[in-house]
Amino acid sequence: MSEPIITLTTDFGTMSPYVAAMKGVILSLNPEARLVDLSHAIPPQDVRHVAFFLAGALPYFPPRTIHVVVVDPGVGTERAALCVELGTQRVVAPDNGCWTLAAKATHALHPTPVIRLTQPRYWRPHVSSTFHGRDVFAPVAGHLSLGVPPADLGEPMTDWVSLDELQPSVVGDEVRGEVVFVDGFGNLITNLPPDAGTVRIGDVEVSRRVRTYGEAPPGTLVALTSSFGLLEVAEVQGNAAGRLRVGAGAPAVLRRG
């Protein structure tokens, strides 16, 4: 049997001991676990950002991968902690909708089951009110990697927080949407279709359309089809978000024709 893969996605950054503590908990339970860091640079408490991130990453992982997601502004409150089966993969995460876009991306539109984690015997003996990643999610992932069935971890849920995909609207010859994600290059991923036309981000129009970044000189603002199949605005060898001083939520308009 191959080593179980457990991925970690958090907003903890790299300067604190938090990620290391989670890894220690998992490896203490299963030294054979293969730990994979997806990202620890998620913007703090940004649930929609991590939801888009997971939707773009999880479909490419092999069956039986366990994903631990700790972007958890509700830690210590009454929000539920979940184990979700997305097709052949599992996600351990807070009930804040962070996994629901990934469910659509992996075609697990009706994830079954969704388990609320209620069995403390699979947690650390003492649970901090501010660090469920270490004391609940990490040990649960370790036990899952050892073969514990999700049903043993708690009770099934039928109602959970879900994030809706932001849909653009059509007004005349315009498709009106917004920036939904800013990547590490400062590229602006919108929820607009990659149709022909002029793009406007805020008050700035972008008319140069390209297939690849290398088709335009450095410093040029361009529009192109992103790897997500959505319309993207980028600055060649630059940072469009910084240049335009915009981020997620900024209005984006496509004028067709």
C-alpha atoms as a PDB file:
ATOM      1  CA  MET A   1       0.000   0.000   0.000  1.00  0.00           C
ATOM      2  CA  SER A   2       1.388   3.434  -0.931  1.00  0.00           C
ATOM      3  CA  GLU A   3       2.093   6.098   1.658  1.00  0.00           C
ATOM      4  CA  PRO A   4      -1.094   8.086   2.408  1.00  0.00           C
ATOM      5  CA  ILE A   5      -1.000  11.647   1.083  1.00  0.00           C
ATOM      6  CA  ILE A   6      -2.137  14.402   3.453  1.00  0.00           C
ATOM      7  CA  THR A   7      -2.109  17.963   2.145  1.00  0.00           C
ATOM      8  CA  LEU A   8      -2.089  21.102   4.269  1.00  0.00           C
ATOM      9  CA  THR A   9      -3.591  24.465   3.311  1.00  0.00           C
ATOM     10  CA  THR A  10      -3.626  27.301   5.831  1.00  0.00           C
ATOM     11  CA  ASP A  11      -3.375  31.048   6.300  1.00  0.00           C
ATOM     12  CA  PHE A  12      -0.655  30.613   8.936  1.00  0.00           C
ATOM     13  CA  GLY A  13       2.256  31.989   6.924  1.00  0.00           C
ATOM     14  CA  THR A  14       5.806  30.671   7.366  1.00  0.00           C
ATOM     15  CA  MET A  15       7.050  32.592  10.403  1.00  0.00           C
ATOM     16  CA  SER A  16       5.086  30.763  13.106  1.00  0.00           C
ATOM     17  CA  PRO A  17       5.311  27.227  14.539  1.00  0.00           C
ATOM     18  CA  TYR A  18       1.670  26.437  13.716  1.00  0.00           C
ATOM     19  CA  VAL A  19       2.170  24.395  10.543  1.00  0.00           C
ATOM     20  CA  ALA A  20       5.084  22.527  12.116  1.00  0.00           C
ATOM     21  CA  ALA A  21       2.907  21.626  15.109  1.00  0.00           C
ATOM     22  CA  MET A  22       0.218  20.188  12.827  1.00  0.00           C
ATOM     23  CA  LYS A  23       2.801  18.123  10.987  1.00  0.00           C
ATOM     24  CA  GLY A  24       4.149  16.813  14.279  1.00  0.00           C
ATOM     25  CA  VAL A  25       0.681  15.700  15.374  1.00  0.00           C
ATOM     26  CA  ILE A  26       0.035  13.873  12.099  1.00  0.00           C
ATOM     27  CA  LEU A  27       3.421  12.175  11.986  1.00  0.00           C
ATOM     28  CA  SER A  28       3.127  11.093  15.628  1.00  0.00           C
ATOM     29  CA  LEU A  29       0.007   9.175  14.630  1.00  0.00           C
ATOM     30  CA  ASN A  30       1.245   7.944  11.259  1.00  0.00           C
ATOM     31  CA  PRO A  31       4.987   8.270  10.565  1.00  0.00           C
ATOM     32  CA  GLU A  32       4.361   6.896   7.058  1.00  0.00           C
ATOM     33  CA  ALA A  33       2.133   9.798   6.046  1.00  0.00           C
ATOM     34  CA  ARG A  34       3.330  11.822   3.077  1.00  0.00           C
ATOM     35  CA  LEU A  35       2.746  15.477   3.911  1.00  0.00           C
ATOM     36  CA  VAL A  36       2.311  17.950   1.054  1.00  0.00           C
ATOM     37  CA  ASP A  37       2.111  21.715   1.631  1.00  0.00           C
ATOM     38  CA  LEU A  38      -0.355  23.261  -0.814  1.00  0.00           C
ATOM     39  CA  SER A  39      -0.112  26.795   0.561  1.00  0.00           C
ATOM     40  CA  HIS A  40       0.341  28.591   3.858  1.00  0.00           C
ATOM     41  CA  ALA A  41       0.081  32.000   2.214  1.00  0.00           C
ATOM     42  CA  ILE A  42      -3.692  32.213   1.952  1.00  0.00           C
ATOM     43  CA  PRO A  43      -4.700  35.784   2.922  1.00  0.00           C
ATOM     44  CA  PRO A  44      -5.738  35.706   6.606  1.00  0.00           C
ATOM     45  CA  GLN A  45      -9.367  34.650   7.161  1.00  0.00           C
ATOM     46  CA  ASP A  46     -10.114  34.886   3.411  1.00  0.00           C
ATOM     47  CA  VAL A  47     -12.535  31.998   2.938  1.00  0.00           C
ATOM     48  CA  ARG A  48     -13.474  32.874  -0.625  1.00  0.00           C
ATOM     49  CA  HIS A  49      -9.801  33.036  -1.671  1.00  0.00           C
ATOM     50  CA  VAL A  50      -9.072  29.578  -0.265  1.00  0.00           C
ATOM     51  CA  ALA A  51     -12.250  28.226  -1.860  1.00  0.00           C
ATOM     52  CA  PHE A  52     -11.077  29.347  -5.306  1.00  0.00           C
ATOM     53  CA  PHE A  53      -7.580  28.039  -4.542  1.00  0.00           C
ATOM     54  CA  LEU A  54      -8.868  24.573  -3.604  1.00  0.00           C
ATOM     55  CA  ALA A  55     -11.165  24.436  -6.628  1.00  0.00           C
ATOM     56  CA  GLY A  56      -8.120  24.972  -8.822  1.00  0.00           C
ATOM     57  CA  ALA A  57      -5.950  22.404  -7.040  1.00  0.00           C
ATOM     58  CA  LEU A  58      -7.936  19.456  -5.683  1.00  0.00           C
ATOM     59  CA  PRO A  59      -9.134  17.978  -9.001  1.00  0.00           C
ATOM     60  CA  TYR A  60      -5.535  17.050  -9.850  1.00  0.00           C
ATOM     61  CA  PHE A  61      -4.788  14.943  -6.771  1.00  0.00           C
ATOM     62  CA  PRO A  62      -4.934  11.152  -6.745  1.00  0.00           C
ATOM     63  CA  PRO A  63      -7.668   9.099  -5.107  1.00  0.00           C
ATOM     64  CA  ARG A  64      -7.591   8.708  -1.309  1.00  0.00           C
ATOM     65  CA  THR A  65      -5.773  12.015  -0.785  1.00  0.00           C
ATOM     66  CA  ILE A  66      -6.697  13.689   2.505  1.00  0.00           C
ATOM     67  CA  HIS A  67      -6.811  17.493   2.463  1.00  0.00           C
ATOM     68  CA  VAL A  68      -6.587  19.483   5.699  1.00  0.00           C
ATOM     69  CA  VAL A  69      -7.781  23.074   5.321  1.00  0.00           C
ATOM     70  CA  VAL A  70      -7.349  25.567   8.151  1.00  0.00           C
ATOM     71  CA  VAL A  71      -8.611  28.980   7.149  1.00  0.00           C
ATOM     72  CA  ASP A  72     -10.900  29.353  10.096  1.00  0.00           C
ATOM     73  CA  PRO A  73     -12.094  32.780  11.245  1.00  0.00           C
ATOM     74  CA  GLY A  74     -14.775  31.030  13.327  1.00  0.00           C
ATOM     75  CA  VAL A  75     -12.373  28.877  15.349  1.00  0.00           C
ATOM     76  CA  GLY A  76     -13.624  28.338  18.897  1.00  0.00           C
ATOM     77  CA  THR A  77     -17.223  29.282  18.055  1.00  0.00           C
ATOM     78  CA  GLU A  78     -20.167  26.973  17.448  1.00  0.00           C
ATOM     79  CA  ARG A  79     -19.191  26.455  13.792  1.00  0.00           C
ATOM     80  CA  ALA A  80     -18.909  22.769  12.936  1.00  0.00           C
ATOM     81  CA  ALA A  81     -15.727  20.912  12.023  1.00  0.00           C
ATOM     82  CA  LEU A  82     -16.195  18.588   9.060  1.00  0.00           C
ATOM     83  CA  CYS A  83     -14.887  15.576   7.232  1.00  0.00           C
ATOM     84  CA  VAL A  84     -16.190  15.647   3.663  1.00  0.00           C
ATOM     85  CA  GLU A  85     -15.879  12.975   0.998  1.00  0.00           C
ATOM     86  CA  LEU A  86     -15.408  14.577  -2.419  1.00  0.00           C
ATOM     87  CA  GLY A  87     -15.577  11.640  -4.774  1.00  0.00           C
ATOM     88  CA  THR A  88     -12.444   9.618  -3.973  1.00  0.00           C
ATOM     89  CA  GLN A  89     -10.800  12.338  -1.850  1.00  0.00           C
ATOM     90  CA  ARG A  90     -11.466  13.620   1.658  1.00  0.00           C
ATOM     91  CA  VAL A  91     -11.382  17.121   3.090  1.00  0.00           C
ATOM     92  CA  VAL A  92     -11.064  17.966   6.782  1.00  0.00           C
ATOM     93  CA  ALA A  93     -12.086  21.586   7.262  1.00  0.00           C
ATOM     94  CA  PRO A  94     -14.243  24.054   9.185  1.00  0.00           C
ATOM     95  CA  ASP A  95     -17.852  24.497   8.126  1.00  0.00           C
ATOM     96  CA  ASN A  96     -17.421  27.864   6.426  1.00  0.00           C
ATOM     97  CA  GLY A  97     -17.861  26.884   2.783  1.00  0.00           C
ATOM     98  CA  CYS A  98     -14.150  26.693   1.989  1.00  0.00           C
ATOM     99  CA  TRP A  99     -14.490  23.284   0.320  1.00  0.00           C
ATOM    100  CA  THR A 100     -17.735  23.808  -1.597  1.00  0.00           C
ATOM    101  CA  LEU A 101     -16.298  25.263  -4.815  1.00  0.00           C
ATOM    102  CA  ALA A 102     -13.884  22.325  -4.917  1.00  0.00           C
ATOM    103  CA  ALA A 103     -16.881  19.995  -4.700  1.00  0.00           C
ATOM    104  CA  LYS A 104     -18.165  21.463  -7.948  1.00  0.00           C
ATOM    105  CA  ALA A 105     -14.725  21.397  -9.548  1.00  0.00           C
ATOM    106  CA  THR A 106     -14.293  17.700  -8.712  1.00  0.00           C
ATOM    107  CA  HIS A 107     -17.863  16.999  -9.863  1.00  0.00           C
ATOM    108  CA  ALA A 108     -18.806  15.894  -6.349  1.00  0.00           C
ATOM    109  CA  LEU A 109     -21.932  18.049  -6.455  1.00  0.00           C
ATOM    110  CA  HIS A 110     -23.564  15.963  -3.744  1.00  0.00           C
ATOM    111  CA  PRO A 111     -20.691  15.068  -1.414  1.00  0.00           C
ATOM    112  CA  THR A 112     -21.540  11.988   0.638  1.00  0.00           C
ATOM    113  CA  PRO A 113     -21.248  11.838   3.469  1.00  0.00           C
ATOM    114  CA  VAL A 114     -20.524  15.093   5.240  1.00  0.00           C
ATOM    115  CA  ILE A 115     -19.562  14.203   8.790  1.00  0.00           C
ATOM    116  CA  ARG A 116     -19.579  16.643  11.687  1.00  0.00           C
ATOM    117  CA  LEU A 117     -16.553  15.858  13.865  1.00  0.00           C
ATOM    118  CA  THR A 118     -18.002  15.087  17.297  1.00  0.00           C
ATOM    119  CA  GLN A 119     -15.853  12.212  18.603  1.00  0.00           C
ATOM    120  CA  PRO A 120     -13.118  13.635  20.899  1.00  0.00           C
ATOM    121  CA  ARG A 121     -11.299  10.296  21.047  1.00  0.00           C
ATOM    122  CA  TYR A 122      -9.904  11.176  17.612  1.00  0.00           C
ATOM    123  CA  TRP A 123      -8.665  14.600  18.788  1.00  0.00           C
ATOM    124  CA  ARG A 124      -5.782  15.623  20.996  1.00  0.00           C
ATOM    125  CA  PRO A 125      -6.579  15.276  24.728  1.00  0.00           C
ATOM    126  CA  HIS A 126      -6.623  19.040  25.285  1.00  0.00           C
ATOM    127  CA  VAL A 127      -8.242  21.209  22.618  1.00  0.00           C
ATOM    128  CA  SER A 128      -7.269  24.868  22.405  1.00  0.00           C
ATOM    129  CA  SER A 129     -10.103  27.267  21.621  1.00  0.00           C
ATOM    130  CA  THR A 130      -7.818  29.022  19.096  1.00  0.00           C
ATOM    131  CA  PHE A 131      -5.966  26.133  17.393  1.00  0.00           C
ATOM    132  CA  HIS A 132      -8.324  23.449  16.117  1.00  0.00           C
ATOM    133  CA  GLY A 133      -5.893  22.872  13.239  1.00  0.00           C
ATOM    134  CA  ARG A 134      -3.452  21.239  15.635  1.00  0.00           C
ATOM    135  CA  ASP A 135      -5.887  19.729  18.113  1.00  0.00           C
ATOM    136  CA  VAL A 136      -8.805  18.549  15.935  1.00  0.00           C
ATOM    137  CA  PHE A 137      -8.106  18.645  12.180  1.00  0.00           C
ATOM    138  CA  ALA A 138      -4.550  17.273  12.241  1.00  0.00           C
ATOM    139  CA  PRO A 139      -5.279  14.251  14.474  1.00  0.00           C
ATOM    140  CA  VAL A 140      -8.449  13.480  12.524  1.00  0.00           C
ATOM    141  CA  ALA A 141      -6.397  13.448   9.311  1.00  0.00           C
ATOM    142  CA  GLY A 142      -3.854  11.159  10.953  1.00  0.00           C
ATOM    143  CA  HIS A 143      -6.554   8.715  11.994  1.00  0.00           C
ATOM    144  CA  LEU A 144      -8.130   8.806   8.530  1.00  0.00           C
ATOM    145  CA  SER A 145      -4.755   7.955   7.001  1.00  0.00           C
ATOM    146  CA  LEU A 146      -4.625   4.897   9.267  1.00  0.00           C
ATOM    147  CA  GLY A 147      -7.943   3.639   7.961  1.00  0.00           C
ATOM    148  CA  VAL A 148     -10.475   4.995  10.446  1.00  0.00           C
ATOM    149  CA  PRO A 149     -13.801   5.302   8.570  1.00  0.00           C
ATOM    150  CA  PRO A 150     -15.275   8.815   8.409  1.00  0.00           C
ATOM    151  CA  ALA A 151     -18.490   7.515   9.961  1.00  0.00           C
ATOM    152  CA  ASP A 152     -16.580   6.800  13.187  1.00  0.00           C
ATOM    153  CA  LEU A 153     -15.542  10.451  13.494  1.00  0.00           C
ATOM    154  CA  GLY A 154     -18.967  11.919  14.173  1.00  0.00           C
ATOM    155  CA  GLU A 155     -22.497  12.351  12.883  1.00  0.00           C
ATOM    156  CA  PRO A 156     -23.772  12.905   9.314  1.00  0.00           C
ATOM    157  CA  MET A 157     -24.838  16.434   8.376  1.00  0.00           C
ATOM    158  CA  THR A 158     -27.355  17.460   5.744  1.00  0.00           C
ATOM    159  CA  ASP A 159     -27.029  21.242   6.080  1.00  0.00           C
ATOM    160  CA  TRP A 160     -23.701  23.037   5.774  1.00  0.00           C
ATOM    161  CA  VAL A 161     -22.341  26.426   4.719  1.00  0.00           C
ATOM    162  CA  SER A 162     -21.954  26.686   0.957  1.00  0.00           C
ATOM    163  CA  LEU A 163     -20.303  29.419  -1.105  1.00  0.00           C
ATOM    164  CA  ASP A 164     -22.068  30.336  -4.306  1.00  0.00           C
ATOM    165  CA  GLU A 165     -20.059  30.933  -7.436  1.00  0.00           C
ATOM    166  CA  LEU A 166     -20.182  34.618  -8.316  1.00  0.00           C
ATOM    167  CA  GLN A 167     -22.058  34.902 -11.589  1.00  0.00           C
ATOM    168  CA  PRO A 168     -21.748  37.865 -13.990  1.00  0.00           C
ATOM    169  CA  SER A 169     -24.791  39.635 -15.375  1.00  0.00           C
ATOM    170  CA  VAL A 170     -25.546  40.620 -18.967  1.00  0.00           C
ATOM    171  CA  VAL A 171     -26.704  44.191 -19.629  1.00  0.00           C
ATOM    172  CA  GLY A 172     -27.012  45.029 -23.320  1.00  0.00           C
ATOM    173  CA  ASP A 173     -23.657  44.320 -24.962  1.00  0.00           C
ATOM    174  CA  GLU A 174     -21.863  44.203 -21.608  1.00  0.00           C
ATOM    175  CA  VAL A 175     -21.102  41.306 -19.299  1.00  0.00           C
ATOM    176  CA  ARG A 176     -20.621  42.703 -15.799  1.00  0.00           C
ATOM    177  CA  GLY A 177     -18.709  40.753 -13.202  1.00  0.00           C
ATOM    178  CA  GLU A 178     -15.750  41.150 -10.895  1.00  0.00           C
ATOM    179  CA  VAL A 179     -12.251  40.017 -10.054  1.00  0.00           C
ATOM    180  CA  VAL A 180     -12.591  36.760  -8.132  1.00  0.00           C
ATOM    181  CA  PHE A 181      -8.929  35.889  -7.536  1.00  0.00           C
ATOM    182  CA  VAL A 182      -5.515  37.538  -7.606  1.00  0.00           C
ATOM    183  CA  ASP A 183      -2.617  35.129  -8.098  1.00  0.00           C
ATOM    184  CA  GLY A 184       0.965  35.496  -6.919  1.00  0.00           C
ATOM    185  CA  PHE A 185       1.938  37.379 -10.090  1.00  0.00           C
ATOM    186  CA  GLY A 186      -0.744  39.985  -9.552  1.00  0.00           C
ATOM    187  CA  ASN A 187      -2.813  38.599 -12.422  1.00  0.00           C
ATOM    188  CA  LEU A 188      -6.513  39.398 -12.104  1.00  0.00           C
ATOM    189  CA  ILE A 189      -8.799  36.398 -12.644  1.00  0.00           C
ATOM    190  CA  THR A 190     -12.359  37.519 -13.308  1.00  0.00           C
ATOM    191  CA  ASN A 191     -15.624  35.613 -13.475  1.00  0.00           C
ATOM    192  CA  LEU A 192     -16.149  36.839 -17.042  1.00  0.00           C
ATOM    193  CA  PRO A 193     -16.191  34.508 -20.051  1.00  0.00           C
ATOM    194  CA  PRO A 194     -13.091  34.729 -22.292  1.00  0.00           C
ATOM    195  CA  ASP A 195     -15.076  36.188 -25.186  1.00  0.00           C
ATOM    196  CA  ALA A 196     -13.741  38.732 -27.657  1.00  0.00           C
ATOM    197  CA  GLY A 197     -14.165  42.370 -26.741  1.00  0.00           C
ATOM    198  CA  THR A 198     -12.813  45.158 -24.584  1.00  0.00           C
ATOM    199  CA  VAL A 199     -12.311  44.578 -20.870  1.00  0.00           C
ATOM    200  CA  ARG A 200     -12.631  47.244 -18.216  1.00  0.00           C
ATOM    201  CA  ILE A 201     -11.239  46.792 -14.720  1.00  0.00           C
ATOM    202  CA  GLY A 202     -12.427  49.664 -12.586  1.00  0.00           C
ATOM    203  CA  ASP A 203     -11.875  52.710 -14.807  1.00  0.00           C
ATOM    204  CA  VAL A 204      -9.124  51.188 -16.964  1.00  0.00           C
ATOM    205  CA  GLU A 205      -9.869  49.654 -20.349  1.00  0.00           C
ATOM    206  CA  VAL A 206      -7.764  46.763 -21.633  1.00  0.00           C
ATOM    207  CA  SER A 207      -8.066  46.221 -25.372  1.00  0.00           C
ATOM    208  CA  ARG A 208      -4.955  44.131 -26.110  1.00  0.00           C
ATOM    209  CA  ARG A 209      -5.957  40.468 -26.414  1.00  0.00           C
ATOM    210  CA  VAL A 210      -3.282  37.762 -26.439  1.00  0.00           C
ATOM    211  CA  ARG A 211      -3.050  34.000 -26.274  1.00  0.00           C
ATOM    212  CA  THR A 212       0.138  33.972 -24.168  1.00  0.00           C
ATOM    213  CA  TYR A 213       1.962  36.550 -22.055  1.00  0.00           C
ATOM    214  CA  GLY A 214       4.919  36.533 -24.429  1.00  0.00           C
ATOM    215  CA  GLU A 215       2.892  37.981 -27.305  1.00  0.00           C
ATOM    216  CA  ALA A 216       3.105  41.531 -25.907  1.00  0.00           C
ATOM    217  CA  PRO A 217       6.013  43.710 -24.722  1.00  0.00           C
ATOM    218  CA  PRO A 218       6.823  43.961 -20.987  1.00  0.00           C
ATOM    219  CA  GLY A 219       4.604  46.441 -19.182  1.00  0.00           C
ATOM    220  CA  THR A 220       1.609  45.916 -21.487  1.00  0.00           C
ATOM    221  CA  LEU A 221      -1.804  45.334 -19.936  1.00  0.00           C
ATOM    222  CA  VAL A 222      -3.366  42.342 -21.690  1.00  0.00           C
ATOM    223  CA  ALA A 223      -6.482  40.224 -21.535  1.00  0.00           C
ATOM    224  CA  LEU A 224      -6.357  36.496 -22.137  1.00  0.00           C
ATOM    225  CA  THR A 225      -7.971  33.191 -21.254  1.00  0.00           C
ATOM    226  CA  SER A 226      -6.686  31.999 -17.880  1.00  0.00           C
ATOM    227  CA  SER A 227      -5.847  28.395 -17.069  1.00  0.00           C
ATOM    228  CA  PHE A 228      -9.218  28.318 -15.245  1.00  0.00           C
ATOM    229  CA  GLY A 229     -11.024  29.080 -18.503  1.00  0.00           C
ATOM    230  CA  LEU A 230     -11.982  32.571 -17.302  1.00  0.00           C
ATOM    231  CA  LEU A 231     -11.008  36.010 -18.542  1.00  0.00           C
ATOM    232  CA  GLU A 232      -7.757  37.244 -17.020  1.00  0.00           C
ATOM    233  CA  VAL A 233      -6.119  40.660 -17.040  1.00  0.00           C
ATOM    234  CA  ALA A 234      -2.343  40.741 -16.609  1.00  0.00           C
ATOM    235  CA  GLU A 235       0.590  43.082 -16.953  1.00  0.00           C
ATOM    236  CA  VAL A 236       3.317  41.380 -18.972  1.00  0.00           C
ATOM    237  CA  GLN A 237       6.285  40.793 -16.645  1.00  0.00           C
ATOM    238  CA  GLY A 238       4.571  43.057 -14.145  1.00  0.00           C
ATOM    239  CA  ASN A 239       1.787  43.117 -11.576  1.00  0.00           C
ATOM    240  CA  ALA A 240      -1.654  44.136 -12.805  1.00  0.00           C
ATOM    241  CA  ALA A 241      -3.155  44.213  -9.312  1.00  0.00           C
ATOM    242  CA  GLY A 242      -0.456  46.584  -8.117  1.00  0.00           C
ATOM    243  CA  ARG A 243      -0.561  48.754 -11.217  1.00  0.00           C
ATOM    244  CA  LEU A 244      -4.353  49.129 -11.156  1.00  0.00           C
ATOM    245  CA  ARG A 245      -4.554  49.126  -7.349  1.00  0.00           C
ATOM    246  CA  VAL A 246      -7.367  46.601  -7.310  1.00  0.00           C
ATOM    247  CA  GLY A 247      -8.008  43.224  -5.762  1.00  0.00           C
ATOM    248  CA  ALA A 248     -10.724  40.598  -5.462  1.00  0.00           C
ATOM    249  CA  GLY A 249     -14.148  42.191  -5.683  1.00  0.00           C
ATOM    250  CA  ALA A 250     -13.099  44.929  -8.106  1.00  0.00           C
ATOM    251  CA  PRO A 251     -15.700  45.407 -10.887  1.00  0.00           C
ATOM    252  CA  ALA A 252     -14.862  43.893 -14.254  1.00  0.00           C
ATOM    253  CA  VAL A 253     -16.800  44.496 -17.446  1.00  0.00           C
ATOM    254  CA  LEU A 254     -16.527  42.837 -20.857  1.00  0.00           C
ATOM    255  CA  ARG A 255     -17.916  44.796 -23.784  1.00  0.00           C
ATOM    256  CA  ARG A 256     -18.458  42.323 -26.589  1.00  0.00           C
ATOM    257  CA  GLY A 257     -17.780  43.093 -30.195  1.00  0.00           C
END
